[in-house]
Amino acid sequence: MAQKLARKADLTQAVASEVIDLIFDSDPGKGIIAVELDAGDKVTISGFGTFSTKSRSARKGRNPATGQEIAIPARKYVHFAPAKGLKDRIAQ
């Protein structure tokens, strides 16, 4: 991805790689998208889609190996909703 970005944007591959890391890094406190999601905000990339967080409530499940009932805790997760343009392009 960095190679393609470097070619299209007339950047060095090192700079392109750094830009990608600044946007997509998932380490705590890094990555523009991850920081915004941590804050509870949505990240919309026009024509591509929207990243947001959603919550799953706690529930009971079953261990498939033993059949034993287990408690599955509540948690937040990342959700991506593709934009119409992206969905239409992929559907072709």
PDB file of N, CA and C in Angstrom:
ATOM      1  N   MET A   1       0.823  -1.181   0.000  1.00  0.00           N
ATOM      2  CA  MET A   1       0.000   0.000   0.000  1.00  0.00           C
ATOM      3  C   MET A   1       0.875   1.257   0.000  1.00  0.00           C
ATOM      4  N   ALA A   2       1.941   1.227   0.781  1.00  0.00           N
ATOM      5  CA  ALA A   2       2.846   2.375   0.838  1.00  0.00           C
ATOM      6  C   ALA A   2       3.496   2.620  -0.518  1.00  0.00           C
ATOM      7  N   GLN A   3       3.835   1.556  -1.223  1.00  0.00           N
ATOM      8  CA  GLN A   3       4.444   1.684  -2.541  1.00  0.00           C
ATOM      9  C   GLN A   3       3.493   2.381  -3.510  1.00  0.00           C
ATOM     10  N   LYS A   4       2.231   1.957  -3.507  1.00  0.00           N
ATOM     11  CA  LYS A   4       1.244   2.553  -4.409  1.00  0.00           C
ATOM     12  C   LYS A   4       0.974   4.011  -4.048  1.00  0.00           C
ATOM     13  N   LEU A   5       0.879   4.301  -2.747  1.00  0.00           N
ATOM     14  CA  LEU A   5       0.668   5.681  -2.307  1.00  0.00           C
ATOM     15  C   LEU A   5       1.855   6.554  -2.711  1.00  0.00           C
ATOM     16  N   ALA A   6       3.052   6.042  -2.540  1.00  0.00           N
ATOM     17  CA  ALA A   6       4.257   6.795  -2.893  1.00  0.00           C
ATOM     18  C   ALA A   6       4.261   7.149  -4.379  1.00  0.00           C
ATOM     19  N   ARG A   7       3.896   6.189  -5.222  1.00  0.00           N
ATOM     20  CA  ARG A   7       3.862   6.441  -6.661  1.00  0.00           C
ATOM     21  C   ARG A   7       2.795   7.461  -7.039  1.00  0.00           C
ATOM     22  N   LYS A   8       1.589   7.291  -6.509  1.00  0.00           N
ATOM     23  CA  LYS A   8       0.469   8.170  -6.889  1.00  0.00           C
ATOM     24  C   LYS A   8       0.601   9.576  -6.335  1.00  0.00           C
ATOM     25  N   ALA A   9       1.175   9.725  -5.138  1.00  0.00           N
ATOM     26  CA  ALA A   9       1.272  11.039  -4.495  1.00  0.00           C
ATOM     27  C   ALA A   9       2.648  11.674  -4.643  1.00  0.00           C
ATOM     28  N   ASP A  10       3.535  11.032  -5.402  1.00  0.00           N
ATOM     29  CA  ASP A  10       4.885  11.527  -5.609  1.00  0.00           C
ATOM     30  C   ASP A  10       5.610  11.759  -4.279  1.00  0.00           C
ATOM     31  N   LEU A  11       5.582  10.718  -3.435  1.00  0.00           N
ATOM     32  CA  LEU A  11       6.265  10.734  -2.135  1.00  0.00           C
ATOM     33  C   LEU A  11       7.320   9.647  -2.126  1.00  0.00           C
ATOM     34  N   THR A  12       8.215   9.718  -1.153  1.00  0.00           N
ATOM     35  CA  THR A  12       9.117   8.585  -0.961  1.00  0.00           C
ATOM     36  C   THR A  12       8.319   7.480  -0.291  1.00  0.00           C
ATOM     37  N   GLN A  13       8.778   6.257  -0.428  1.00  0.00           N
ATOM     38  CA  GLN A  13       8.071   5.142   0.183  1.00  0.00           C
ATOM     39  C   GLN A  13       8.091   5.252   1.706  1.00  0.00           C
ATOM     40  N   ALA A  14       9.160   5.792   2.272  1.00  0.00           N
ATOM     41  CA  ALA A  14       9.256   5.961   3.725  1.00  0.00           C
ATOM     42  C   ALA A  14       8.204   6.946   4.223  1.00  0.00           C
ATOM     43  N   VAL A  15       8.023   8.047   3.520  1.00  0.00           N
ATOM     44  CA  VAL A  15       7.027   9.039   3.910  1.00  0.00           C
ATOM     45  C   VAL A  15       5.621   8.462   3.756  1.00  0.00           C
ATOM     46  N   ALA A  16       5.390   7.746   2.665  1.00  0.00           N
ATOM     47  CA  ALA A  16       4.085   7.129   2.440  1.00  0.00           C
ATOM     48  C   ALA A  16       3.761   6.128   3.547  1.00  0.00           C
ATOM     49  N   SER A  17       4.748   5.341   3.944  1.00  0.00           N
ATOM     50  CA  SER A  17       4.560   4.374   5.027  1.00  0.00           C
ATOM     51  C   SER A  17       4.243   5.075   6.343  1.00  0.00           C
ATOM     52  N   GLU A  18       4.912   6.191   6.596  1.00  0.00           N
ATOM     53  CA  GLU A  18       4.667   6.960   7.813  1.00  0.00           C
ATOM     54  C   GLU A  18       3.244   7.529   7.825  1.00  0.00           C
ATOM     55  N   VAL A  19       2.784   8.016   6.691  1.00  0.00           N
ATOM     56  CA  VAL A  19       1.422   8.549   6.583  1.00  0.00           C
ATOM     57  C   VAL A  19       0.399   7.460   6.871  1.00  0.00           C
ATOM     58  N   ILE A  20       0.605   6.291   6.293  1.00  0.00           N
ATOM     59  CA  ILE A  20      -0.314   5.172   6.518  1.00  0.00           C
ATOM     60  C   ILE A  20      -0.344   4.801   7.993  1.00  0.00           C
ATOM     61  N   ASP A  21       0.826   4.744   8.625  1.00  0.00           N
ATOM     62  CA  ASP A  21       0.895   4.429  10.055  1.00  0.00           C
ATOM     63  C   ASP A  21       0.193   5.492  10.901  1.00  0.00           C
ATOM     64  N   LEU A  22       0.355   6.761  10.542  1.00  0.00           N
ATOM     65  CA  LEU A  22      -0.303   7.833  11.294  1.00  0.00           C
ATOM     66  C   LEU A  22      -1.821   7.703  11.248  1.00  0.00           C
ATOM     67  N   ILE A  23      -2.342   7.210  10.161  1.00  0.00           N
ATOM     68  CA  ILE A  23      -3.799   7.067  10.018  1.00  0.00           C
ATOM     69  C   ILE A  23      -4.307   5.772  10.636  1.00  0.00           C
ATOM     70  N   PHE A  24      -3.636   4.650  10.371  1.00  0.00           N
ATOM     71  CA  PHE A  24      -4.195   3.335  10.692  1.00  0.00           C
ATOM     72  C   PHE A  24      -3.582   2.612  11.889  1.00  0.00           C
ATOM     73  N   ASP A  25      -2.572   3.158  12.549  1.00  0.00           N
ATOM     74  CA  ASP A  25      -1.923   2.476  13.675  1.00  0.00           C
ATOM     75  C   ASP A  25      -2.941   2.172  14.763  1.00  0.00           C
ATOM     76  N   SER A  26      -2.863   0.974  15.348  1.00  0.00           N
ATOM     77  CA  SER A  26      -3.818   0.586  16.394  1.00  0.00           C
ATOM     78  C   SER A  26      -3.193   0.564  17.791  1.00  0.00           C
ATOM     79  N   ASP A  27      -1.921   0.964  17.914  1.00  0.00           N
ATOM     80  CA  ASP A  27      -1.296   1.041  19.237  1.00  0.00           C
ATOM     81  C   ASP A  27      -1.978   2.135  20.063  1.00  0.00           C
ATOM     82  N   PRO A  28      -2.088   1.950  21.386  1.00  0.00           N
ATOM     83  CA  PRO A  28      -2.757   2.958  22.231  1.00  0.00           C
ATOM     84  C   PRO A  28      -2.164   4.357  22.055  1.00  0.00           C
ATOM     85  N   GLY A  29      -3.044   5.335  21.838  1.00  0.00           N
ATOM     86  CA  GLY A  29      -2.618   6.714  21.684  1.00  0.00           C
ATOM     87  C   GLY A  29      -2.083   7.064  20.311  1.00  0.00           C
ATOM     88  N   LYS A  30      -2.074   6.121  19.397  1.00  0.00           N
ATOM     89  CA  LYS A  30      -1.555   6.360  18.049  1.00  0.00           C
ATOM     90  C   LYS A  30      -2.656   6.062  17.036  1.00  0.00           C
ATOM     91  N   GLY A  31      -2.468   6.494  15.829  1.00  0.00           N
ATOM     92  CA  GLY A  31      -3.415   6.212  14.759  1.00  0.00           C
ATOM     93  C   GLY A  31      -4.643   7.103  14.840  1.00  0.00           C
ATOM     94  N   ILE A  32      -4.824   7.942  13.864  1.00  0.00           N
ATOM     95  CA  ILE A  32      -5.915   8.915  13.868  1.00  0.00           C
ATOM     96  C   ILE A  32      -7.268   8.229  14.007  1.00  0.00           C
ATOM     97  N   ILE A  33      -7.499   7.181  13.255  1.00  0.00           N
ATOM     98  CA  ILE A  33      -8.800   6.498  13.311  1.00  0.00           C
ATOM     99  C   ILE A  33      -9.019   5.889  14.693  1.00  0.00           C
ATOM    100  N   ALA A  34      -8.041   5.179  15.224  1.00  0.00           N
ATOM    101  CA  ALA A  34      -8.190   4.522  16.528  1.00  0.00           C
ATOM    102  C   ALA A  34      -8.401   5.532  17.652  1.00  0.00           C
ATOM    103  N   VAL A  35      -7.700   6.650  17.620  1.00  0.00           N
ATOM    104  CA  VAL A  35      -7.854   7.673  18.661  1.00  0.00           C
ATOM    105  C   VAL A  35      -9.269   8.236  18.635  1.00  0.00           C
ATOM    106  N   GLU A  36      -9.796   8.509  17.451  1.00  0.00           N
ATOM    107  CA  GLU A  36     -11.162   9.024  17.338  1.00  0.00           C
ATOM    108  C   GLU A  36     -12.185   8.008  17.820  1.00  0.00           C
ATOM    109  N   LEU A  37     -11.983   6.742  17.498  1.00  0.00           N
ATOM    110  CA  LEU A  37     -12.903   5.695  17.961  1.00  0.00           C
ATOM    111  C   LEU A  37     -12.827   5.536  19.475  1.00  0.00           C
ATOM    112  N   ASP A  38     -11.628   5.638  20.053  1.00  0.00           N
ATOM    113  CA  ASP A  38     -11.472   5.592  21.516  1.00  0.00           C
ATOM    114  C   ASP A  38     -12.288   6.688  22.183  1.00  0.00           C
ATOM    115  N   ALA A  39     -12.357   7.848  21.540  1.00  0.00           N
ATOM    116  CA  ALA A  39     -13.089   8.992  22.094  1.00  0.00           C
ATOM    117  C   ALA A  39     -14.597   8.877  21.865  1.00  0.00           C
ATOM    118  N   GLY A  40     -15.018   7.823  21.165  1.00  0.00           N
ATOM    119  CA  GLY A  40     -16.443   7.627  20.912  1.00  0.00           C
ATOM    120  C   GLY A  40     -16.949   8.345  19.678  1.00  0.00           C
ATOM    121  N   ASP A  41     -16.035   8.883  18.877  1.00  0.00           N
ATOM    122  CA  ASP A  41     -16.422   9.600  17.666  1.00  0.00           C
ATOM    123  C   ASP A  41     -16.467   8.660  16.466  1.00  0.00           C
ATOM    124  N   LYS A  42     -17.171   9.090  15.421  1.00  0.00           N
ATOM    125  CA  LYS A  42     -17.194   8.374  14.147  1.00  0.00           C
ATOM    126  C   LYS A  42     -16.125   8.965  13.249  1.00  0.00           C
ATOM    127  N   VAL A  43     -15.601   8.143  12.351  1.00  0.00           N
ATOM    128  CA  VAL A  43     -14.640   8.606  11.361  1.00  0.00           C
ATOM    129  C   VAL A  43     -15.230   8.298   9.989  1.00  0.00           C
ATOM    130  N   THR A  44     -15.516   9.356   9.226  1.00  0.00           N
ATOM    131  CA  THR A  44     -16.101   9.192   7.903  1.00  0.00           C
ATOM    132  C   THR A  44     -15.079   9.568   6.843  1.00  0.00           C
ATOM    133  N   ILE A  45     -14.874   8.663   5.911  1.00  0.00           N
ATOM    134  CA  ILE A  45     -14.013   8.917   4.768  1.00  0.00           C
ATOM    135  C   ILE A  45     -14.952   8.978   3.565  1.00  0.00           C
ATOM    136  N   SER A  46     -15.125  10.182   3.064  1.00  0.00           N
ATOM    137  CA  SER A  46     -16.098  10.436   2.004  1.00  0.00           C
ATOM    138  C   SER A  46     -15.891   9.495   0.822  1.00  0.00           C
ATOM    139  N   GLY A  47     -16.964   8.851   0.393  1.00  0.00           N
ATOM    140  CA  GLY A  47     -16.911   7.939  -0.736  1.00  0.00           C
ATOM    141  C   GLY A  47     -16.384   6.564  -0.394  1.00  0.00           C
ATOM    142  N   PHE A  48     -15.878   6.371   0.814  1.00  0.00           N
ATOM    143  CA  PHE A  48     -15.313   5.077   1.218  1.00  0.00           C
ATOM    144  C   PHE A  48     -16.161   4.417   2.297  1.00  0.00           C
ATOM    145  N   GLY A  49     -16.421   5.139   3.404  1.00  0.00           N
ATOM    146  CA  GLY A  49     -17.246   4.567   4.451  1.00  0.00           C
ATOM    147  C   GLY A  49     -17.036   5.227   5.793  1.00  0.00           C
ATOM    148  N   THR A  50     -17.698   4.673   6.795  1.00  0.00           N
ATOM    149  CA  THR A  50     -17.657   5.230   8.138  1.00  0.00           C
ATOM    150  C   THR A  50     -17.249   4.163   9.148  1.00  0.00           C
ATOM    151  N   PHE A  51     -16.262   4.509   9.976  1.00  0.00           N
ATOM    152  CA  PHE A  51     -15.856   3.666  11.100  1.00  0.00           C
ATOM    153  C   PHE A  51     -16.557   4.201  12.343  1.00  0.00           C
ATOM    154  N   SER A  52     -17.101   3.316  13.160  1.00  0.00           N
ATOM    155  CA  SER A  52     -17.735   3.722  14.415  1.00  0.00           C
ATOM    156  C   SER A  52     -17.592   2.573  15.410  1.00  0.00           C
ATOM    157  N   THR A  53     -18.005   2.824  16.642  1.00  0.00           N
ATOM    158  CA  THR A  53     -18.005   1.758  17.644  1.00  0.00           C
ATOM    159  C   THR A  53     -19.444   1.412  17.991  1.00  0.00           C
ATOM    160  N   LYS A  54     -19.652   0.169  18.326  1.00  0.00           N
ATOM    161  CA  LYS A  54     -20.954  -0.310  18.778  1.00  0.00           C
ATOM    162  C   LYS A  54     -20.720  -1.131  20.039  1.00  0.00           C
ATOM    163  N   SER A  55     -21.805  -1.399  20.753  1.00  0.00           N
ATOM    164  CA  SER A  55     -21.708  -2.171  21.995  1.00  0.00           C
ATOM    165  C   SER A  55     -22.532  -3.444  21.897  1.00  0.00           C
ATOM    166  N   ARG A  56     -21.998  -4.496  22.455  1.00  0.00           N
ATOM    167  CA  ARG A  56     -22.724  -5.754  22.614  1.00  0.00           C
ATOM    168  C   ARG A  56     -22.988  -5.938  24.098  1.00  0.00           C
ATOM    169  N   SER A  57     -24.203  -6.273  24.444  1.00  0.00           N
ATOM    170  CA  SER A  57     -24.517  -6.481  25.855  1.00  0.00           C
ATOM    171  C   SER A  57     -24.011  -7.851  26.305  1.00  0.00           C
ATOM    172  N   ALA A  58     -23.913  -8.016  27.609  1.00  0.00           N
ATOM    173  CA  ALA A  58     -23.485  -9.298  28.167  1.00  0.00           C
ATOM    174  C   ALA A  58     -24.546 -10.351  27.840  1.00  0.00           C
ATOM    175  N   ARG A  59     -24.099 -11.584  27.668  1.00  0.00           N
ATOM    176  CA  ARG A  59     -25.048 -12.653  27.355  1.00  0.00           C
ATOM    177  C   ARG A  59     -24.468 -13.989  27.785  1.00  0.00           C
ATOM    178  N   LYS A  60     -25.304 -15.007  27.720  1.00  0.00           N
ATOM    179  CA  LYS A  60     -24.844 -16.358  28.055  1.00  0.00           C
ATOM    180  C   LYS A  60     -24.602 -17.121  26.768  1.00  0.00           C
ATOM    181  N   GLY A  61     -23.557 -17.906  26.774  1.00  0.00           N
ATOM    182  CA  GLY A  61     -23.222 -18.728  25.619  1.00  0.00           C
ATOM    183  C   GLY A  61     -22.896 -20.133  26.069  1.00  0.00           C
ATOM    184  N   ARG A  62     -22.501 -20.957  25.130  1.00  0.00           N
ATOM    185  CA  ARG A  62     -22.135 -22.341  25.449  1.00  0.00           C
ATOM    186  C   ARG A  62     -20.772 -22.668  24.861  1.00  0.00           C
ATOM    187  N   ASN A  63     -19.975 -23.372  25.658  1.00  0.00           N
ATOM    188  CA  ASN A  63     -18.706 -23.885  25.176  1.00  0.00           C
ATOM    189  C   ASN A  63     -19.044 -25.034  24.232  1.00  0.00           C
ATOM    190  N   PRO A  64     -18.699 -24.932  22.948  1.00  0.00           N
ATOM    191  CA  PRO A  64     -19.089 -25.981  22.009  1.00  0.00           C
ATOM    192  C   PRO A  64     -18.429 -27.337  22.287  1.00  0.00           C
ATOM    193  N   ALA A  65     -17.274 -27.321  22.933  1.00  0.00           N
ATOM    194  CA  ALA A  65     -16.580 -28.579  23.214  1.00  0.00           C
ATOM    195  C   ALA A  65     -17.219 -29.336  24.378  1.00  0.00           C
ATOM    196  N   THR A  66     -17.648 -28.599  25.414  1.00  0.00           N
ATOM    197  CA  THR A  66     -18.161 -29.265  26.617  1.00  0.00           C
ATOM    198  C   THR A  66     -19.659 -29.090  26.813  1.00  0.00           C
ATOM    199  N   GLY A  67     -20.242 -28.110  26.141  1.00  0.00           N
ATOM    200  CA  GLY A  67     -21.657 -27.835  26.331  1.00  0.00           C
ATOM    201  C   GLY A  67     -21.931 -27.018  27.581  1.00  0.00           C
ATOM    202  N   GLN A  68     -20.875 -26.678  28.323  1.00  0.00           N
ATOM    203  CA  GLN A  68     -21.031 -25.918  29.561  1.00  0.00           C
ATOM    204  C   GLN A  68     -21.432 -24.480  29.251  1.00  0.00           C
ATOM    205  N   GLU A  69     -22.377 -23.949  30.031  1.00  0.00           N
ATOM    206  CA  GLU A  69     -22.822 -22.573  29.852  1.00  0.00           C
ATOM    207  C   GLU A  69     -21.740 -21.631  30.379  1.00  0.00           C
ATOM    208  N   ILE A  70     -21.478 -20.559  29.620  1.00  0.00           N
ATOM    209  CA  ILE A  70     -20.478 -19.580  30.027  1.00  0.00           C
ATOM    210  C   ILE A  70     -21.070 -18.175  29.918  1.00  0.00           C
ATOM    211  N   ALA A  71     -20.519 -17.255  30.703  1.00  0.00           N
ATOM    212  CA  ALA A  71     -20.940 -15.859  30.650  1.00  0.00           C
ATOM    213  C   ALA A  71     -20.026 -15.113  29.685  1.00  0.00           C
ATOM    214  N   ILE A  72     -20.620 -14.438  28.714  1.00  0.00           N
ATOM    215  CA  ILE A  72     -19.863 -13.644  27.759  1.00  0.00           C
ATOM    216  C   ILE A  72     -20.057 -12.180  28.164  1.00  0.00           C
ATOM    217  N   PRO A  73     -18.975 -11.486  28.516  1.00  0.00           N
ATOM    218  CA  PRO A  73     -19.115 -10.114  29.018  1.00  0.00           C
ATOM    219  C   PRO A  73     -19.507  -9.117  27.918  1.00  0.00           C
ATOM    220  N   ALA A  74     -20.042  -7.984  28.345  1.00  0.00           N
ATOM    221  CA  ALA A  74     -20.359  -6.897  27.415  1.00  0.00           C
ATOM    222  C   ALA A  74     -19.054  -6.356  26.850  1.00  0.00           C
ATOM    223  N   ARG A  75     -19.129  -5.824  25.635  1.00  0.00           N
ATOM    224  CA  ARG A  75     -17.926  -5.253  25.044  1.00  0.00           C
ATOM    225  C   ARG A  75     -18.261  -4.297  23.916  1.00  0.00           C
ATOM    226  N   LYS A  76     -17.297  -3.435  23.611  1.00  0.00           N
ATOM    227  CA  LYS A  76     -17.409  -2.527  22.469  1.00  0.00           C
ATOM    228  C   LYS A  76     -16.637  -3.149  21.312  1.00  0.00           C
ATOM    229  N   TYR A  77     -17.083  -2.846  20.099  1.00  0.00           N
ATOM    230  CA  TYR A  77     -16.375  -3.342  18.929  1.00  0.00           C
ATOM    231  C   TYR A  77     -16.426  -2.297  17.815  1.00  0.00           C
ATOM    232  N   VAL A  78     -15.519  -2.439  16.863  1.00  0.00           N
ATOM    233  CA  VAL A  78     -15.445  -1.516  15.741  1.00  0.00           C
ATOM    234  C   VAL A  78     -16.413  -1.980  14.657  1.00  0.00           C
ATOM    235  N   HIS A  79     -17.125  -1.022  14.097  1.00  0.00           N
ATOM    236  CA  HIS A  79     -18.059  -1.301  13.015  1.00  0.00           C
ATOM    237  C   HIS A  79     -17.666  -0.452  11.813  1.00  0.00           C
ATOM    238  N   PHE A  80     -17.720  -1.026  10.627  1.00  0.00           N
ATOM    239  CA  PHE A  80     -17.447  -0.280   9.395  1.00  0.00           C
ATOM    240  C   PHE A  80     -18.649  -0.379   8.487  1.00  0.00           C
ATOM    241  N   ALA A  81     -19.149   0.764   8.054  1.00  0.00           N
ATOM    242  CA  ALA A  81     -20.261   0.811   7.106  1.00  0.00           C
ATOM    243  C   ALA A  81     -19.733   1.405   5.804  1.00  0.00           C
ATOM    244  N   PRO A  82     -19.655   0.602   4.753  1.00  0.00           N
ATOM    245  CA  PRO A  82     -19.135   1.122   3.493  1.00  0.00           C
ATOM    246  C   PRO A  82     -20.082   2.154   2.880  1.00  0.00           C
ATOM    247  N   ALA A  83     -19.504   3.128   2.202  1.00  0.00           N
ATOM    248  CA  ALA A  83     -20.291   4.146   1.501  1.00  0.00           C
ATOM    249  C   ALA A  83     -20.916   3.530   0.251  1.00  0.00           C
ATOM    250  N   LYS A  84     -21.947   4.173  -0.250  1.00  0.00           N
ATOM    251  CA  LYS A  84     -22.647   3.674  -1.429  1.00  0.00           C
ATOM    252  C   LYS A  84     -21.696   3.503  -2.612  1.00  0.00           C
ATOM    253  N   GLY A  85     -20.802   4.462  -2.810  1.00  0.00           N
ATOM    254  CA  GLY A  85     -19.854   4.372  -3.928  1.00  0.00           C
ATOM    255  C   GLY A  85     -18.987   3.130  -3.855  1.00  0.00           C
ATOM    256  N   LEU A  86     -18.497   2.787  -2.673  1.00  0.00           N
ATOM    257  CA  LEU A  86     -17.664   1.599  -2.493  1.00  0.00           C
ATOM    258  C   LEU A  86     -18.488   0.339  -2.707  1.00  0.00           C
ATOM    259  N   LYS A  87     -19.693   0.302  -2.134  1.00  0.00           N
ATOM    260  CA  LYS A  87     -20.561  -0.875  -2.307  1.00  0.00           C
ATOM    261  C   LYS A  87     -20.888  -1.100  -3.772  1.00  0.00           C
ATOM    262  N   ASP A  88     -21.209  -0.020  -4.486  1.00  0.00           N
ATOM    263  CA  ASP A  88     -21.546  -0.145  -5.899  1.00  0.00           C
ATOM    264  C   ASP A  88     -20.353  -0.616  -6.719  1.00  0.00           C
ATOM    265  N   ARG A  89     -19.171  -0.106  -6.412  1.00  0.00           N
ATOM    266  CA  ARG A  89     -17.970  -0.504  -7.158  1.00  0.00           C
ATOM    267  C   ARG A  89     -17.667  -1.992  -6.963  1.00  0.00           C
ATOM    268  N   ILE A  90     -17.784  -2.465  -5.732  1.00  0.00           N
ATOM    269  CA  ILE A  90     -17.496  -3.871  -5.448  1.00  0.00           C
ATOM    270  C   ILE A  90     -18.548  -4.794  -6.061  1.00  0.00           C
ATOM    271  N   ALA A  91     -19.787  -4.331  -6.117  1.00  0.00           N
ATOM    272  CA  ALA A  91     -20.888  -5.142  -6.635  1.00  0.00           C
ATOM    273  C   ALA A  91     -20.799  -5.352  -8.154  1.00  0.00           C
ATOM    274  N   GLN A  92     -20.021  -4.549  -8.848  1.00  0.00           N
ATOM    275  CA  GLN A  92     -19.946  -4.664 -10.314  1.00  0.00           C
ATOM    276  C   GLN A  92     -19.140  -5.849 -10.742  1.00  0.00           C
TER     277      GLN A  92
END
